[in-house]
Amino acid sequence: MQKIRNPYVGMEGYKCFGCSPHNENGLQMQFREEGDYLVCDWEPRGFLQGYVNVLHGGIQATLMDEIASWLVQVKLNTAGVTAQLTTKYLKPVAVDKGSIRLRAHLEGKNRNLVDVKVELFGPEEELCSEGMITYYTFPERVARERFHYPGADAFKDQS
């Protein structure tokens, strides 16, 4: 298990809804590597519900999109943009029973299109939703120039 460092902390204007620790209205996600997977344990908050006590489906999709983006950066050493996101909602996700876990891995790659599969497990460790996210990826030079991609080493936790 390897914690992933967030290299964007401290960058002027960085307020990502998904991963900025300084966005008080955001999800404040943190990640770690476990073999081929990126993993995030995340605590749902009641104000993110749709139906009573159920995590909003759009928030679930956002969580999956965010971890997939980090997988592209950490595992493929570049940045990309979401081209397509398909979500299957299998079971409701309670917002008051504890943390959930997301696991993402590379499902396939065809030139600059990358498919990332994400599984979202509820507080009782049951598979509640899954997503297939296709990213359009850029050459590393373009990722650095246009998307502030800091390079693979910037994600390595030094602690």
Protein backbone atom coordinates (compact mmCIF):
# COMPACT_ATOMS: atom_id res chain seq x y z
CA MET A 1 0.00 0.00 0.00
CA GLN A 2 1.44 3.35 -1.07
CA LYS A 3 -0.18 6.66 -0.14
CA ILE A 4 -0.42 9.07 -3.04
CA ARG A 5 0.72 12.61 -2.45
CA ASN A 6 -1.46 15.43 -3.79
CA PRO A 7 1.05 17.60 -5.68
CA TYR A 8 -1.55 20.29 -6.45
CA VAL A 9 -1.87 21.44 -2.83
CA GLY A 10 -0.42 24.92 -2.66
CA MET A 11 -1.01 25.69 -6.35
CA GLU A 12 -2.73 29.04 -6.77
CA GLY A 13 -6.39 28.64 -7.74
CA TYR A 14 -6.55 24.92 -6.91
CA LYS A 15 -10.06 24.24 -5.57
CA CYS A 16 -10.94 20.92 -7.24
CA PHE A 17 -14.37 19.74 -6.06
CA GLY A 18 -13.13 16.14 -6.00
CA CYS A 19 -9.69 16.27 -4.40
CA SER A 20 -8.76 19.66 -2.98
CA PRO A 21 -8.35 19.43 0.80
CA HIS A 22 -9.01 23.19 0.93
CA ASN A 23 -12.42 23.15 -0.77
CA GLU A 24 -14.74 23.09 2.23
CA ASN A 25 -17.68 22.25 -0.06
CA GLY A 26 -15.79 19.56 -1.95
CA LEU A 27 -15.29 15.82 -1.54
CA GLN A 28 -11.66 16.10 -0.33
CA MET A 29 -10.70 12.67 -1.66
CA GLN A 30 -7.33 11.06 -0.91
CA PHE A 31 -5.83 8.07 -2.69
CA ARG A 32 -3.42 5.20 -2.31
CA GLU A 33 -2.00 2.53 -4.60
CA GLU A 34 -2.63 -1.13 -3.93
CA GLY A 35 -0.89 -3.04 -6.70
CA ASP A 36 -2.64 -2.26 -9.99
CA TYR A 37 -5.45 -0.44 -8.17
CA LEU A 38 -5.99 3.07 -6.92
CA VAL A 39 -8.10 3.06 -3.76
CA CYS A 40 -9.97 5.76 -1.86
CA ASP A 41 -11.75 5.40 1.46
CA TRP A 42 -14.24 8.21 1.79
CA GLU A 43 -16.78 9.26 4.42
CA PRO A 44 -20.22 10.24 3.04
CA ARG A 45 -21.83 13.36 4.47
CA GLY A 46 -25.56 13.80 4.95
CA PHE A 47 -25.86 16.95 2.83
CA LEU A 48 -24.79 14.90 -0.23
CA GLN A 49 -27.87 12.70 -0.15
CA GLY A 50 -30.54 12.38 -2.80
CA TYR A 51 -33.27 10.27 -1.28
CA VAL A 52 -33.35 10.25 2.51
CA ASN A 53 -30.11 8.72 3.80
CA VAL A 54 -28.94 7.67 0.29
CA LEU A 55 -25.83 9.12 -1.33
CA HIS A 56 -26.84 11.07 -4.43
CA GLY A 57 -26.12 9.21 -7.69
CA GLY A 58 -24.40 12.24 -9.18
CA ILE A 59 -21.99 12.32 -6.24
CA GLN A 60 -21.28 8.62 -6.76
CA ALA A 61 -20.48 9.32 -10.43
CA THR A 62 -18.26 12.25 -9.41
CA LEU A 63 -16.34 10.07 -6.96
CA MET A 64 -15.77 7.48 -9.70
CA ASP A 65 -14.71 10.10 -12.25
CA GLU A 66 -12.24 11.64 -9.81
CA ILE A 67 -10.48 8.41 -8.85
CA ALA A 68 -10.29 7.46 -12.54
CA SER A 69 -8.62 10.78 -13.30
CA TRP A 70 -6.04 10.14 -10.60
CA LEU A 71 -5.41 6.65 -11.98
CA VAL A 72 -4.57 8.21 -15.36
CA GLN A 73 -2.15 10.63 -13.70
CA VAL A 74 -0.48 8.15 -11.35
CA LYS A 75 -0.43 4.95 -13.42
CA LEU A 76 -0.17 6.34 -16.96
CA ASN A 77 1.99 9.40 -16.22
CA THR A 78 -0.18 11.91 -18.03
CA ALA A 79 -3.44 13.81 -17.76
CA GLY A 80 -6.69 13.44 -19.62
CA VAL A 81 -10.28 14.55 -19.84
CA THR A 82 -13.41 12.48 -19.42
CA ALA A 83 -14.78 11.38 -22.79
CA GLN A 84 -17.50 9.08 -21.47
CA LEU A 85 -18.77 7.87 -18.11
CA THR A 86 -21.19 4.98 -17.74
CA THR A 87 -22.52 4.17 -14.29
CA LYS A 88 -24.46 1.18 -12.99
CA TYR A 89 -26.25 1.75 -9.70
CA LEU A 90 -26.70 -1.64 -8.04
CA LYS A 91 -27.65 -0.84 -4.41
CA PRO A 92 -28.30 2.32 -2.40
CA VAL A 93 -25.32 3.79 -0.55
CA ALA A 94 -26.18 4.87 2.99
CA VAL A 95 -24.73 8.18 4.15
CA ASP A 96 -24.90 7.38 7.87
CA LYS A 97 -23.29 3.94 8.22
CA GLY A 98 -19.60 4.74 7.74
CA SER A 99 -17.03 5.09 5.01
CA ILE A 100 -17.21 3.72 1.50
CA ARG A 101 -14.37 2.40 -0.65
CA LEU A 102 -13.64 3.07 -4.31
CA ARG A 103 -11.26 0.90 -6.34
CA ALA A 104 -10.10 1.82 -9.83
CA HIS A 105 -7.97 -0.07 -12.32
CA LEU A 106 -6.99 0.20 -15.96
CA GLU A 107 -9.38 -1.87 -18.04
CA GLY A 108 -7.97 -1.10 -21.49
CA LYS A 109 -6.12 1.32 -23.71
CA ASN A 110 -6.44 2.12 -27.41
CA ARG A 111 -4.04 4.84 -28.54
CA ASN A 112 -4.98 7.91 -26.50
CA LEU A 113 -8.29 6.50 -25.19
CA VAL A 114 -8.11 4.80 -21.81
CA ASP A 115 -10.85 2.80 -20.08
CA VAL A 116 -10.88 2.80 -16.28
CA LYS A 117 -13.19 0.54 -14.29
CA VAL A 118 -14.27 1.81 -10.87
CA GLU A 119 -16.11 -0.10 -8.17
CA LEU A 120 -17.84 1.64 -5.27
CA PHE A 121 -18.36 -0.46 -2.14
CA GLY A 122 -20.80 0.65 0.55
CA PRO A 123 -20.17 0.84 4.29
CA GLU A 124 -20.96 -2.85 4.65
CA GLU A 125 -18.43 -3.71 1.91
CA GLU A 126 -21.07 -4.62 -0.68
CA LEU A 127 -20.68 -3.54 -4.31
CA CYS A 128 -23.17 -0.67 -4.70
CA SER A 129 -22.22 0.90 -8.02
CA GLU A 130 -19.64 0.61 -10.74
CA GLY A 131 -18.48 2.80 -13.54
CA MET A 132 -16.59 2.60 -16.79
CA ILE A 133 -14.87 5.86 -17.55
CA THR A 134 -13.17 6.56 -20.86
CA TYR A 135 -10.48 9.22 -20.78
CA TYR A 136 -8.95 11.03 -23.69
CA THR A 137 -5.29 11.27 -22.67
CA PHE A 138 -2.64 13.70 -23.81
CA PRO A 139 1.07 13.33 -24.46
CA GLU A 140 2.96 14.17 -21.26
CA ARG A 141 4.30 17.41 -22.74
CA VAL A 142 0.75 18.64 -23.45
CA ALA A 143 -0.43 17.46 -20.02
CA ARG A 144 2.31 19.50 -18.37
CA GLU A 145 1.66 22.63 -20.46
CA ARG A 146 -2.16 22.69 -20.45
CA PHE A 147 -3.21 20.76 -17.34
CA HIS A 148 -0.45 21.49 -14.80
CA TYR A 149 0.55 17.81 -14.76
CA PRO A 150 3.58 17.73 -12.43
CA GLY A 151 5.13 14.43 -13.55
CA ALA A 152 4.97 10.94 -12.04
CA ASP A 153 7.44 11.53 -9.21
CA ALA A 154 5.34 14.35 -7.75
CA PHE A 155 2.70 11.81 -6.63
CA LYS A 156 5.12 9.73 -4.56
CA ASP A 157 4.63 10.15 -0.83
CA GLN A 158 7.95 10.83 0.85
CA SER A 159 6.82 9.83 4.36
